[in-house]
Structures are given as structure tokens and as C-alpha cells.
């Protein structure tokens, strides 16, 4: 894992976005896996501004995860986030977006997404976020990790996430791609910033691989770039 230290969040967003644009421009077709939440938002805003530098017709967006049992139109869903920050600003056709349906029958939905990744993968570029407990997507700290798409029992950390904290919904589970799906990606980008991420970044930088710190498995991947800013701005 290459860790690039940035002096500001603006610098982090700019450098990460440039890397994404360069990568997407290197191929005529790309499967782009996207996380949601605060960490990649500024990067996505820049990506929208630089969309003329990318051939969007060749890109399929794959949603990393989704809250289970939260209506898709709810503003706290990852679906809503994707529509607001990427899909609508990029004017992307529905056929170029694939993601978990939050209200679907879990076993069938995981099989559907798993089959899609198997048939159309591996992921070319995966944009992740680092949870305060070290999770990737909803791959939570545990004695063992699931390799492929599955329904995860959410940790207390995930259940207090800003996306759903004030949603009023009773959420216990989340759909997510598995660790193997993530690690089979050709390239991975991990943006991390803020004082609330300093402790978990300290653990990640130890380089010790453990299922109790799912993000540590990124050390096993040959092409991971982590853009890190210790500050909140």
C-alpha cells in the first residue's frame, strides 16, 4: 500500500480525482466500484467537474454496499447518495449502474450481485472508505471475513454512521461486496481524512493483517493508493 500524505482535504481530493481520471482514461471500458459516505464526496464532486476528460459511455458503476430494509428512495440510502453525487450529475443511464436493492430478499440479492461480479469482473477500480473500526464496506471486524457479496450484521460503529443516525429506521444489517471481491480489483483507492480517523489509520499503518481490522487486508493487494490527511479540512 502506498500512503500519500496530503496537507489538506482539497489536495487529497484533487490528487485522488486525478488518479481516477487517469485510470478510467486508460481503458475503453471500466467497472468502477464506488463507496459512499463523507470520505469520497469531494472526490466525486471533482470527478463530475472533470467528466469531459472521461468517456463515460464505457464505465459501469458498481455500488459497494447498501443498508438493508431502508426504502431505496430514502435520503439515507447509499442509492440516494449515488444518485445525488454521481449518477444524476453525470447523466448516467440506468443500464450503467449496478447495486444492491435494499428491500430485496437477501439471499437472492446477494446471489444476483455475486453473479454480476463473477460475469463482469474483476473490478477495474475500487474506491473505498475507511470505517472508524477499520471496516471496508460492511465487512466488519470479526473472527473471519466473507469473500463475496453477503448480508452483514452491522457493528455498533456502523449503526451510528452519519448517513443513518437520524433516519429513524430500525436497521441491523447491510448488503456488501466481500473482501475477495475487493481484493480482486485491479486498482484500489482509499481516501482517509480527519481527526476521527487518526487512531484507526495508526493501526492500519502497522501493517499487521487481521480479520479484526478488515482494511489491513489491503496490504495484500499490489496496487493500493491511500490518500491521507490528518486534518478535517
C-alpha atoms as a PDB file:
ATOM      1  CA  UNK A   1       0.000   0.000   0.000  1.00  0.00           C
ATOM      2  CA  UNK A   2       1.280   3.403  -0.981  1.00  0.00           C
ATOM      3  CA  UNK A   3       0.294   6.092   1.536  1.00  0.00           C
ATOM      4  CA  UNK A   4       0.367   9.625   0.141  1.00  0.00           C
ATOM      5  CA  UNK A   5       0.159  12.284   2.830  1.00  0.00           C
ATOM      6  CA  UNK A   6      -1.743  15.426   1.893  1.00  0.00           C
ATOM      7  CA  UNK A   7      -1.642  18.792   3.640  1.00  0.00           C
ATOM      8  CA  UNK A   8      -5.355  19.465   3.111  1.00  0.00           C
ATOM      9  CA  UNK A   9      -8.554  17.688   2.150  1.00  0.00           C
ATOM     10  CA  UNK A  10      -8.647  19.781  -1.029  1.00  0.00           C
ATOM     11  CA  UNK A  11      -5.244  18.412  -2.023  1.00  0.00           C
ATOM     12  CA  UNK A  12      -6.393  14.873  -1.189  1.00  0.00           C
ATOM     13  CA  UNK A  13      -9.495  15.250  -3.351  1.00  0.00           C
ATOM     14  CA  UNK A  14      -7.539  16.699  -6.259  1.00  0.00           C
ATOM     15  CA  UNK A  15      -4.826  14.046  -6.252  1.00  0.00           C
ATOM     16  CA  UNK A  16      -7.264  11.174  -5.855  1.00  0.00           C
ATOM     17  CA  UNK A  17      -9.525  12.520  -8.610  1.00  0.00           C
ATOM     18  CA  UNK A  18      -6.588  12.916 -10.999  1.00  0.00           C
ATOM     19  CA  UNK A  19      -5.597   9.304 -10.385  1.00  0.00           C
ATOM     20  CA  UNK A  20      -9.161   8.160 -11.060  1.00  0.00           C
ATOM     21  CA  UNK A  21      -9.398  10.171 -14.282  1.00  0.00           C
ATOM     22  CA  UNK A  22      -6.047   8.812 -15.487  1.00  0.00           C
ATOM     23  CA  UNK A  23      -7.074   5.252 -14.705  1.00  0.00           C
ATOM     24  CA  UNK A  24     -10.505   5.467 -16.334  1.00  0.00           C
ATOM     25  CA  UNK A  25      -8.960   7.130 -19.389  1.00  0.00           C
ATOM     26  CA  UNK A  26      -6.545   4.236 -19.857  1.00  0.00           C
ATOM     27  CA  UNK A  27      -9.308   1.806 -20.901  1.00  0.00           C
ATOM     28  CA  UNK A  28     -12.272   1.912 -23.244  1.00  0.00           C
ATOM     29  CA  UNK A  29     -14.405   0.050 -20.680  1.00  0.00           C
ATOM     30  CA  UNK A  30     -14.232   0.051 -16.872  1.00  0.00           C
ATOM     31  CA  UNK A  31     -16.093  -1.462 -13.939  1.00  0.00           C
ATOM     32  CA  UNK A  32     -15.870   1.196 -11.230  1.00  0.00           C
ATOM     33  CA  UNK A  33     -16.813   0.234  -7.672  1.00  0.00           C
ATOM     34  CA  UNK A  34     -17.829   3.189  -5.521  1.00  0.00           C
ATOM     35  CA  UNK A  35     -18.150   3.633  -1.778  1.00  0.00           C
ATOM     36  CA  UNK A  36     -20.456   6.237  -0.260  1.00  0.00           C
ATOM     37  CA  UNK A  37     -20.142   8.488   2.769  1.00  0.00           C
ATOM     38  CA  UNK A  38     -18.130  11.548   3.660  1.00  0.00           C
ATOM     39  CA  UNK A  39     -14.681  10.351   2.582  1.00  0.00           C
ATOM     40  CA  UNK A  40     -15.165  10.202  -1.218  1.00  0.00           C
ATOM     41  CA  UNK A  41     -17.734  13.000  -1.604  1.00  0.00           C
ATOM     42  CA  UNK A  42     -15.263  15.745  -2.512  1.00  0.00           C
ATOM     43  CA  UNK A  43     -13.553  13.407  -4.965  1.00  0.00           C
ATOM     44  CA  UNK A  44     -16.845  12.677  -6.701  1.00  0.00           C
ATOM     45  CA  UNK A  45     -17.644  16.379  -6.940  1.00  0.00           C
ATOM     46  CA  UNK A  46     -14.339  16.958  -8.737  1.00  0.00           C
ATOM     47  CA  UNK A  47     -14.925  13.931 -10.943  1.00  0.00           C
ATOM     48  CA  UNK A  48     -18.196  15.456 -12.096  1.00  0.00           C
ATOM     49  CA  UNK A  49     -16.371  18.701 -12.898  1.00  0.00           C
ATOM     50  CA  UNK A  50     -13.797  16.777 -14.953  1.00  0.00           C
ATOM     51  CA  UNK A  51     -16.258  14.466 -16.709  1.00  0.00           C
ATOM     52  CA  UNK A  52     -15.276  15.816 -20.130  1.00  0.00           C
ATOM     53  CA  UNK A  53     -11.910  14.095 -19.673  1.00  0.00           C
ATOM     54  CA  UNK A  54     -13.580  10.670 -19.394  1.00  0.00           C
ATOM     55  CA  UNK A  55     -15.533   8.551 -21.864  1.00  0.00           C
ATOM     56  CA  UNK A  56     -18.494   7.880 -19.617  1.00  0.00           C
ATOM     57  CA  UNK A  57     -20.130   5.516 -22.126  1.00  0.00           C
ATOM     58  CA  UNK A  58     -17.616   2.816 -21.245  1.00  0.00           C
ATOM     59  CA  UNK A  59     -17.997   2.996 -17.452  1.00  0.00           C
ATOM     60  CA  UNK A  60     -20.303   0.868 -15.331  1.00  0.00           C
ATOM     61  CA  UNK A  61     -20.699   1.997 -11.715  1.00  0.00           C
ATOM     62  CA  UNK A  62     -20.998  -0.731  -9.079  1.00  0.00           C
ATOM     63  CA  UNK A  63     -22.292   0.253  -5.627  1.00  0.00           C
ATOM     64  CA  UNK A  64     -20.102  -1.210  -2.871  1.00  0.00           C
ATOM     65  CA  UNK A  65     -22.782  -1.654  -0.211  1.00  0.00           C
ATOM     66  CA  UNK A  66     -26.262  -0.712   0.957  1.00  0.00           C
ATOM     67  CA  UNK A  67     -28.287  -0.546   4.156  1.00  0.00           C
ATOM     68  CA  UNK A  68     -30.799  -3.399   4.365  1.00  0.00           C
ATOM     69  CA  UNK A  69     -34.518  -2.705   4.808  1.00  0.00           C
ATOM     70  CA  UNK A  70     -34.326   1.025   4.166  1.00  0.00           C
ATOM     71  CA  UNK A  71     -36.522   2.100   1.218  1.00  0.00           C
ATOM     72  CA  UNK A  72     -34.395   2.885  -1.834  1.00  0.00           C
ATOM     73  CA  UNK A  73     -35.797   6.401  -2.147  1.00  0.00           C
ATOM     74  CA  UNK A  74     -34.882   7.229   1.475  1.00  0.00           C
ATOM     75  CA  UNK A  75     -32.257  10.017   1.619  1.00  0.00           C
ATOM     76  CA  UNK A  76     -30.096   7.920   3.959  1.00  0.00           C
ATOM     77  CA  UNK A  77     -29.533   5.110   1.452  1.00  0.00           C
ATOM     78  CA  UNK A  78     -26.339   4.607  -0.492  1.00  0.00           C
ATOM     79  CA  UNK A  79     -28.592   4.552  -3.567  1.00  0.00           C
ATOM     80  CA  UNK A  80     -29.785   8.093  -2.868  1.00  0.00           C
ATOM     81  CA  UNK A  81     -26.202   9.210  -2.272  1.00  0.00           C
ATOM     82  CA  UNK A  82     -25.068   7.740  -5.593  1.00  0.00           C
ATOM     83  CA  UNK A  83     -27.920   9.388  -7.460  1.00  0.00           C
ATOM     84  CA  UNK A  84     -27.210  12.774  -5.887  1.00  0.00           C
ATOM     85  CA  UNK A  85     -23.428  12.821  -6.160  1.00  0.00           C
ATOM     86  CA  UNK A  86     -22.625  10.797  -9.275  1.00  0.00           C
ATOM     87  CA  UNK A  87     -25.344   9.305 -11.422  1.00  0.00           C
ATOM     88  CA  UNK A  88     -27.556  12.356 -11.992  1.00  0.00           C
ATOM     89  CA  UNK A  89     -24.712  14.908 -12.256  1.00  0.00           C
ATOM     90  CA  UNK A  90     -23.034  12.614 -14.812  1.00  0.00           C
ATOM     91  CA  UNK A  91     -26.373  11.987 -16.578  1.00  0.00           C
ATOM     92  CA  UNK A  92     -25.614   8.286 -16.478  1.00  0.00           C
ATOM     93  CA  UNK A  93     -28.169   5.813 -17.931  1.00  0.00           C
ATOM     94  CA  UNK A  94     -29.643   3.284 -15.513  1.00  0.00           C
ATOM     95  CA  UNK A  95     -28.029   0.478 -17.527  1.00  0.00           C
ATOM     96  CA  UNK A  96     -24.592   1.708 -16.429  1.00  0.00           C
ATOM     97  CA  UNK A  97     -25.287   1.360 -12.716  1.00  0.00           C
ATOM     98  CA  UNK A  98     -25.487  -1.841 -10.690  1.00  0.00           C
ATOM     99  CA  UNK A  99     -26.126  -2.084  -6.965  1.00  0.00           C
ATOM    100  CA  UNK A 100     -27.837  -3.880  -4.134  1.00  0.00           C
ATOM    101  CA  UNK A 101     -31.583  -3.319  -3.743  1.00  0.00           C
ATOM    102  CA  UNK A 102     -32.064  -2.500  -0.066  1.00  0.00           C
ATOM    103  CA  UNK A 103     -35.544  -4.036   0.027  1.00  0.00           C
ATOM    104  CA  UNK A 104     -34.786  -7.259  -1.845  1.00  0.00           C
ATOM    105  CA  UNK A 105     -34.815 -10.769  -0.394  1.00  0.00           C
ATOM    106  CA  UNK A 106     -31.260 -11.006   0.989  1.00  0.00           C
ATOM    107  CA  UNK A 107     -30.135 -14.418  -0.264  1.00  0.00           C
ATOM    108  CA  UNK A 108     -31.400 -13.868  -3.795  1.00  0.00           C
ATOM    109  CA  UNK A 109     -29.999 -10.338  -3.913  1.00  0.00           C
ATOM    110  CA  UNK A 110     -26.529 -11.446  -2.822  1.00  0.00           C
ATOM    111  CA  UNK A 111     -26.586 -14.171  -5.470  1.00  0.00           C
ATOM    112  CA  UNK A 112     -27.611 -11.620  -8.101  1.00  0.00           C
ATOM    113  CA  UNK A 113     -24.800  -9.200  -7.297  1.00  0.00           C
ATOM    114  CA  UNK A 114     -22.323 -12.047  -6.856  1.00  0.00           C
ATOM    115  CA  UNK A 115     -23.214 -13.427 -10.279  1.00  0.00           C
ATOM    116  CA  UNK A 116     -22.831  -9.979 -11.839  1.00  0.00           C
ATOM    117  CA  UNK A 117     -19.337  -9.521 -10.399  1.00  0.00           C
ATOM    118  CA  UNK A 118     -18.341 -13.032 -11.453  1.00  0.00           C
ATOM    119  CA  UNK A 119     -19.543 -12.480 -15.015  1.00  0.00           C
ATOM    120  CA  UNK A 120     -18.363  -8.891 -15.474  1.00  0.00           C
ATOM    121  CA  UNK A 121     -15.430  -8.562 -13.084  1.00  0.00           C
ATOM    122  CA  UNK A 122     -12.931  -8.220 -11.809  1.00  0.00           C
ATOM    123  CA  UNK A 123     -13.476  -4.627 -10.737  1.00  0.00           C
ATOM    124  CA  UNK A 124     -11.087  -2.317 -12.588  1.00  0.00           C
ATOM    125  CA  UNK A 125     -11.005   0.464 -10.000  1.00  0.00           C
ATOM    126  CA  UNK A 126     -12.399   0.315  -6.453  1.00  0.00           C
ATOM    127  CA  UNK A 127     -12.887   3.480  -4.406  1.00  0.00           C
ATOM    128  CA  UNK A 128     -13.218   2.695  -0.708  1.00  0.00           C
ATOM    129  CA  UNK A 129     -13.691   4.441   2.613  1.00  0.00           C
ATOM    130  CA  UNK A 130     -12.137   3.501   5.950  1.00  0.00           C
ATOM    131  CA  UNK A 131     -14.541   2.952   8.835  1.00  0.00           C
ATOM    132  CA  UNK A 132     -13.556   4.096  12.310  1.00  0.00           C
ATOM    133  CA  UNK A 133     -13.426   0.432  13.311  1.00  0.00           C
ATOM    134  CA  UNK A 134     -11.426  -0.494  10.207  1.00  0.00           C
ATOM    135  CA  UNK A 135     -14.268  -1.901   8.155  1.00  0.00           C
ATOM    136  CA  UNK A 136     -14.389  -1.848   4.356  1.00  0.00           C
ATOM    137  CA  UNK A 137     -17.934  -1.578   3.063  1.00  0.00           C
ATOM    138  CA  UNK A 138     -19.843  -3.581   5.645  1.00  0.00           C
ATOM    139  CA  UNK A 139     -17.061  -6.104   6.098  1.00  0.00           C
ATOM    140  CA  UNK A 140     -16.952  -5.637   9.854  1.00  0.00           C
ATOM    141  CA  UNK A 141     -14.228  -6.746  12.307  1.00  0.00           C
ATOM    142  CA  UNK A 142     -14.820 -10.434  13.067  1.00  0.00           C
ATOM    143  CA  UNK A 143     -13.153 -13.787  13.603  1.00  0.00           C
ATOM    144  CA  UNK A 144     -13.495 -14.425   9.871  1.00  0.00           C
ATOM    145  CA  UNK A 145     -14.466 -12.430   6.784  1.00  0.00           C
ATOM    146  CA  UNK A 146     -16.803 -13.294   3.931  1.00  0.00           C
ATOM    147  CA  UNK A 147     -15.215 -13.425   0.462  1.00  0.00           C
ATOM    148  CA  UNK A 148     -18.171 -12.392  -1.682  1.00  0.00           C
ATOM    149  CA  UNK A 149     -21.473 -10.493  -1.666  1.00  0.00           C
ATOM    150  CA  UNK A 150     -23.330 -11.103   1.580  1.00  0.00           C
ATOM    151  CA  UNK A 151     -25.673  -9.685   4.201  1.00  0.00           C
ATOM    152  CA  UNK A 152     -23.632  -8.443   7.158  1.00  0.00           C
ATOM    153  CA  UNK A 153     -24.686  -7.864  10.744  1.00  0.00           C
ATOM    154  CA  UNK A 154     -23.757  -4.248  11.357  1.00  0.00           C
ATOM    155  CA  UNK A 155     -21.427  -3.216  14.140  1.00  0.00           C
ATOM    156  CA  UNK A 156     -22.300  -0.531  16.670  1.00  0.00           C
ATOM    157  CA  UNK A 157     -19.901   1.754  14.798  1.00  0.00           C
ATOM    158  CA  UNK A 158     -21.782   1.323  11.527  1.00  0.00           C
ATOM    159  CA  UNK A 159     -25.134   1.798  13.252  1.00  0.00           C
ATOM    160  CA  UNK A 160     -24.053   5.272  14.397  1.00  0.00           C
ATOM    161  CA  UNK A 161     -22.897   6.294  10.906  1.00  0.00           C
ATOM    162  CA  UNK A 162     -23.908   9.835   9.990  1.00  0.00           C
ATOM    163  CA  UNK A 163     -25.835   8.566   6.962  1.00  0.00           C
ATOM    164  CA  UNK A 164     -28.451   6.770   9.092  1.00  0.00           C
ATOM    165  CA  UNK A 165     -28.051   8.230  12.580  1.00  0.00           C
ATOM    166  CA  UNK A 166     -31.137  10.411  12.229  1.00  0.00           C
ATOM    167  CA  UNK A 167     -33.034   8.257   9.732  1.00  0.00           C
ATOM    168  CA  UNK A 168     -35.494   6.901  12.295  1.00  0.00           C
ATOM    169  CA  UNK A 169     -35.219   3.463  10.710  1.00  0.00           C
ATOM    170  CA  UNK A 170     -34.578   0.199  12.540  1.00  0.00           C
ATOM    171  CA  UNK A 171     -31.508  -1.064  10.698  1.00  0.00           C
ATOM    172  CA  UNK A 172     -29.481  -4.101  11.758  1.00  0.00           C
ATOM    173  CA  UNK A 173     -27.985  -5.422   8.540  1.00  0.00           C
ATOM    174  CA  UNK A 174     -26.227  -4.248   5.406  1.00  0.00           C
ATOM    175  CA  UNK A 175     -25.528  -5.671   1.962  1.00  0.00           C
ATOM    176  CA  UNK A 176     -21.890  -5.569   0.898  1.00  0.00           C
ATOM    177  CA  UNK A 177     -19.346  -6.929  -1.529  1.00  0.00           C
ATOM    178  CA  UNK A 178     -16.898  -9.265   0.183  1.00  0.00           C
ATOM    179  CA  UNK A 179     -13.202  -8.973   0.885  1.00  0.00           C
ATOM    180  CA  UNK A 180     -12.258 -11.222  -2.050  1.00  0.00           C
ATOM    181  CA  UNK A 181     -14.361  -9.081  -4.420  1.00  0.00           C
ATOM    182  CA  UNK A 182     -12.470  -6.009  -3.205  1.00  0.00           C
ATOM    183  CA  UNK A 183      -9.017  -7.593  -3.312  1.00  0.00           C
ATOM    184  CA  UNK A 184      -9.563  -8.892  -6.845  1.00  0.00           C
ATOM    185  CA  UNK A 185      -9.895  -5.283  -8.029  1.00  0.00           C
ATOM    186  CA  UNK A 186      -7.100  -4.222 -10.356  1.00  0.00           C
ATOM    187  CA  UNK A 187      -6.568  -0.903  -8.554  1.00  0.00           C
ATOM    188  CA  UNK A 188      -7.826   0.419  -5.207  1.00  0.00           C
ATOM    189  CA  UNK A 189      -8.024   3.980  -3.905  1.00  0.00           C
ATOM    190  CA  UNK A 190      -8.542   4.667  -0.193  1.00  0.00           C
ATOM    191  CA  UNK A 191      -9.150   8.318   0.815  1.00  0.00           C
ATOM    192  CA  UNK A 192      -8.860   8.968   4.562  1.00  0.00           C
ATOM    193  CA  UNK A 193      -9.014  12.264   6.396  1.00  0.00           C
ATOM    194  CA  UNK A 194      -9.948  13.857   9.698  1.00  0.00           C
ATOM    195  CA  UNK A 195      -9.033  13.685  13.361  1.00  0.00           C
ATOM    196  CA  UNK A 196     -11.598  10.935  13.950  1.00  0.00           C
ATOM    197  CA  UNK A 197      -9.623   8.644  11.624  1.00  0.00           C
ATOM    198  CA  UNK A 198      -6.192   9.158  13.196  1.00  0.00           C
ATOM    199  CA  UNK A 199      -6.454   6.223  15.600  1.00  0.00           C
ATOM    200  CA  UNK A 200      -7.581   3.692  13.000  1.00  0.00           C
ATOM    201  CA  UNK A 201      -5.004   4.969  10.494  1.00  0.00           C
ATOM    202  CA  UNK A 202      -2.349   4.431  13.141  1.00  0.00           C
ATOM    203  CA  UNK A 203      -3.422   0.792  13.453  1.00  0.00           C
ATOM    204  CA  UNK A 204      -3.605   0.352   9.691  1.00  0.00           C
ATOM    205  CA  UNK A 205      -0.090   1.697   9.220  1.00  0.00           C
ATOM    206  CA  UNK A 206       1.281  -1.036  11.492  1.00  0.00           C
ATOM    207  CA  UNK A 207       0.917  -3.348   8.516  1.00  0.00           C
ATOM    208  CA  UNK A 208      -0.436  -6.275  10.528  1.00  0.00           C
ATOM    209  CA  UNK A 209      -3.115  -8.235   8.676  1.00  0.00           C
ATOM    210  CA  UNK A 210      -6.060  -9.321  10.814  1.00  0.00           C
ATOM    211  CA  UNK A 211      -9.770 -10.014  10.299  1.00  0.00           C
ATOM    212  CA  UNK A 212     -10.303  -7.759  13.326  1.00  0.00           C
ATOM    213  CA  UNK A 213      -9.097  -4.919  11.080  1.00  0.00           C
ATOM    214  CA  UNK A 214     -10.595  -5.675   7.645  1.00  0.00           C
ATOM    215  CA  UNK A 215      -8.824  -2.744   5.988  1.00  0.00           C
ATOM    216  CA  UNK A 216      -5.494  -4.377   6.857  1.00  0.00           C
ATOM    217  CA  UNK A 217      -6.134  -6.899   4.068  1.00  0.00           C
ATOM    218  CA  UNK A 218      -5.351  -4.086   1.642  1.00  0.00           C
ATOM    219  CA  UNK A 219      -1.692  -4.710   2.479  1.00  0.00           C
ATOM    220  CA  UNK A 220      -2.033  -7.944   0.492  1.00  0.00           C
ATOM    221  CA  UNK A 221      -3.011  -6.099  -2.693  1.00  0.00           C
ATOM    222  CA  UNK A 222      -0.331  -4.980  -5.191  1.00  0.00           C
ATOM    223  CA  UNK A 223      -1.894  -1.656  -6.208  1.00  0.00           C
ATOM    224  CA  UNK A 224      -3.494   0.315  -3.367  1.00  0.00           C
ATOM    225  CA  UNK A 225      -3.076   4.082  -3.025  1.00  0.00           C
ATOM    226  CA  UNK A 226      -4.176   5.631   0.253  1.00  0.00           C
ATOM    227  CA  UNK A 227      -4.501   9.416   0.249  1.00  0.00           C
ATOM    228  CA  UNK A 228      -4.303  10.584   3.839  1.00  0.00           C
ATOM    229  CA  UNK A 229      -4.824  13.955   5.503  1.00  0.00           C
ATOM    230  CA  UNK A 230      -4.740  14.170   9.293  1.00  0.00           C
ATOM    231  CA  UNK A 231      -6.878  17.305   9.284  1.00  0.00           C
ATOM    232  CA  UNK A 232     -10.597  17.820   8.713  1.00  0.00           C
ATOM    233  CA  UNK A 233     -10.121  20.481   6.047  1.00  0.00           C
END
